[in-house]
Amino acid sequence: MASLELEFTINHDGITLTFSGFNDSLPTFVTETLKLIDGSSRISGDDLREIFNQIKEKLIQEWHNFYYEQSYR
């Protein structure tokens, strides 16, 4: 199974998208990701609210679970 990843960084010059992976489907991944980013300007307010709430819940769960992990020394 291949790993396809996207790193999204905001810096003082703008936004940097870094695509990485080791699969023949990387060009398709890049194309579909850019189509999704382009189409995001046409998302309605209700859909944006739903997406925001899903991401917020995931982050809250990750932060909550962070305190249960064993620390390494």
Protein backbone atom coordinates (compact mmCIF):
# COMPACT_ATOMS: atom_id res chain seq x y z
CA MET A 1 0.00 0.00 0.00
CA ALA A 2 1.39 3.39 -0.96
CA SER A 3 1.55 6.47 1.15
CA LEU A 4 0.24 9.67 -0.39
CA GLU A 5 0.53 12.76 1.76
CA LEU A 6 -0.17 16.47 1.54
CA GLU A 7 1.50 19.01 3.78
CA PHE A 8 -0.21 22.38 3.93
CA THR A 9 1.94 25.22 5.33
CA ILE A 10 1.10 28.88 5.74
CA ASN A 11 4.13 31.17 5.75
CA HIS A 12 4.84 34.87 5.28
CA ASP A 13 5.07 34.51 1.48
CA GLY A 14 1.82 32.59 1.03
CA ILE A 15 0.67 28.99 1.18
CA THR A 16 2.91 26.03 0.44
CA LEU A 17 1.49 22.67 -0.64
CA THR A 18 3.95 19.79 -0.45
CA PHE A 19 2.85 16.53 -2.04
CA SER A 20 4.76 13.35 -1.30
CA GLY A 21 4.35 9.67 -1.98
CA PHE A 22 5.81 6.71 -3.79
CA ASN A 23 3.04 5.55 -6.04
CA ASP A 24 2.00 5.91 -9.68
CA SER A 25 -1.23 7.51 -8.48
CA LEU A 26 0.54 10.63 -7.14
CA PRO A 27 -0.38 12.73 -10.23
CA THR A 28 -4.04 11.77 -9.76
CA PHE A 29 -3.82 12.65 -6.05
CA VAL A 30 -2.41 16.08 -6.90
CA THR A 31 -5.04 16.72 -9.58
CA GLU A 32 -7.97 15.69 -7.38
CA THR A 33 -6.65 17.69 -4.41
CA LEU A 34 -6.33 20.84 -6.50
CA LYS A 35 -9.86 20.31 -7.88
CA LEU A 36 -11.13 20.00 -4.31
CA ILE A 37 -9.34 23.20 -3.27
CA ASP A 38 -10.73 25.01 -6.33
CA GLY A 39 -14.25 23.79 -5.59
CA SER A 40 -14.09 24.84 -1.95
CA SER A 41 -14.97 28.43 -2.87
CA ARG A 42 -18.41 27.23 -3.95
CA ILE A 43 -19.26 25.44 -0.68
CA SER A 44 -22.35 26.79 1.09
CA GLY A 45 -22.27 28.16 4.63
CA ASP A 46 -24.09 25.16 6.07
CA ASP A 47 -21.63 22.73 4.50
CA LEU A 48 -18.69 24.78 5.80
CA ARG A 49 -20.19 24.72 9.29
CA GLU A 50 -20.51 20.92 9.12
CA ILE A 51 -16.89 20.53 7.93
CA PHE A 52 -15.68 22.88 10.67
CA ASN A 53 -17.57 20.95 13.35
CA GLN A 54 -16.14 17.61 12.15
CA ILE A 55 -12.57 18.95 12.26
CA LYS A 56 -13.18 20.60 15.63
CA GLU A 57 -14.47 17.34 17.14
CA LYS A 58 -11.47 15.41 15.79
CA LEU A 59 -9.01 17.93 17.25
CA ILE A 60 -10.77 17.97 20.61
CA GLN A 61 -10.64 14.18 20.73
CA GLU A 62 -6.91 14.16 19.83
CA TRP A 63 -6.13 16.78 22.49
CA HIS A 64 -8.17 14.91 25.08
CA ASN A 65 -6.43 11.61 24.27
CA PHE A 66 -3.01 13.27 24.45
CA TYR A 67 -3.18 13.27 28.26
CA TYR A 68 -3.76 9.51 28.36
CA GLU A 69 -0.64 8.63 26.39
CA GLN A 70 2.47 7.41 28.18
CA SER A 71 5.30 9.90 28.32
CA TYR A 72 8.74 8.74 27.26
CA ARG A 73 11.89 9.55 29.16
